[in-house]
Amino acid sequence: MARVRDRNPIEVANDLGHRFWRLLPYGRRCGNRFMHVVRAVTARNALLVELGFKGGSITMIRSRWFLIPFLLSVLLADTGMSQDRAVAVSAGRDGTAQITLANGEKITIQKEPGQVGISESHIGPDGTVGWLAEYKVEGVSYPIAGTLIIWRAGKTIRRLPTEQSFYSWTFYAQGKQVAYHVGPLHGELKSHCELHDATSGHLIAAWDGDLESESNRPAWTKGLSH
C-alpha cells in the first residue's frame, strides 16, 4: 500500500491560495479591480504567518490550525462584498437613476413623485451613492434639483429635500456625512450650506458665507461650489 506524505503548512497555504485566487474577479473591468489582488495576497501572507512560517523556517504550532477557516472566511466575505459595491451611477431614459455594481449588475431606482431626471451623482469612499433628483417647476424652463437621494447596500437610506434648489453637494467623513449648498434660483447674497449625517439625516452643522473665500469657511464646505 502506498504511503501518503504529510503536507507541510506552506504547501497547504499555497494550495488554498491558488484555489481562492481562481474565485477572484480579477478579469472584470471595474474601478477597484486591483484591490481584490492586494486583499488576496495580504490574506495569504497573514495565513502563512499564523501557521508559523518565518524567514524560510517552520515553527508550526498545531493549535493555530483553527485560524485557517476564519482567515479564509474573511477573504471570501470581503471578495463578495466588493462585488456588491457600486462603481457607476447613470441616468435612465425615463429619468430614473441606474446603479452599476462591480459584478456588472444594474439596479434601477424607482423615481420620486414628479421626478424627471437626475444630476450630480457621487460615490463615497465607503460605497455609499448619492444623486440629485430633478423636477419640473411651473414657470421655469429647466429642471430643478430638489432632493438629495442617498443609497447604500441595496436600498435608499435617506432623502434630503429643499424648498429652494441644490447648487452642489459632496460626501464628507468617508461617506458617513453629506454636505450641500442650496439657494434660490436666481442669485444669492450668501451661500447657505449644511452638513448632515448620511444615514439619519440629522443636521450636524450649517454655515452662511462666501464659498469663493478660501480662508473663512469650514473644512466640510471645501467640495461645494456655486
Foldseek 3Di string as FASTA:
>chain_A
DDDDDDDQPVVVLVVVLVVVVVVAPLVADADCSVVLVVLSVVLSVVSCVLQQDDPNDRPGDPVSPVCVVVSVVVSVVVRVVQQQAWGDWDADPQAWIWTAGRVGDIDTDDADVQFRHWDDWDAFQVRKIKIFTWHDDPPDPDTFRFWIWIDDDHGTQDIDGDPAGWPHKDADPRNQKIKTWGDHPDDDPWIWMWIAGRRPRHTDDIDTHHLVDPPPDDPRCVVYDD
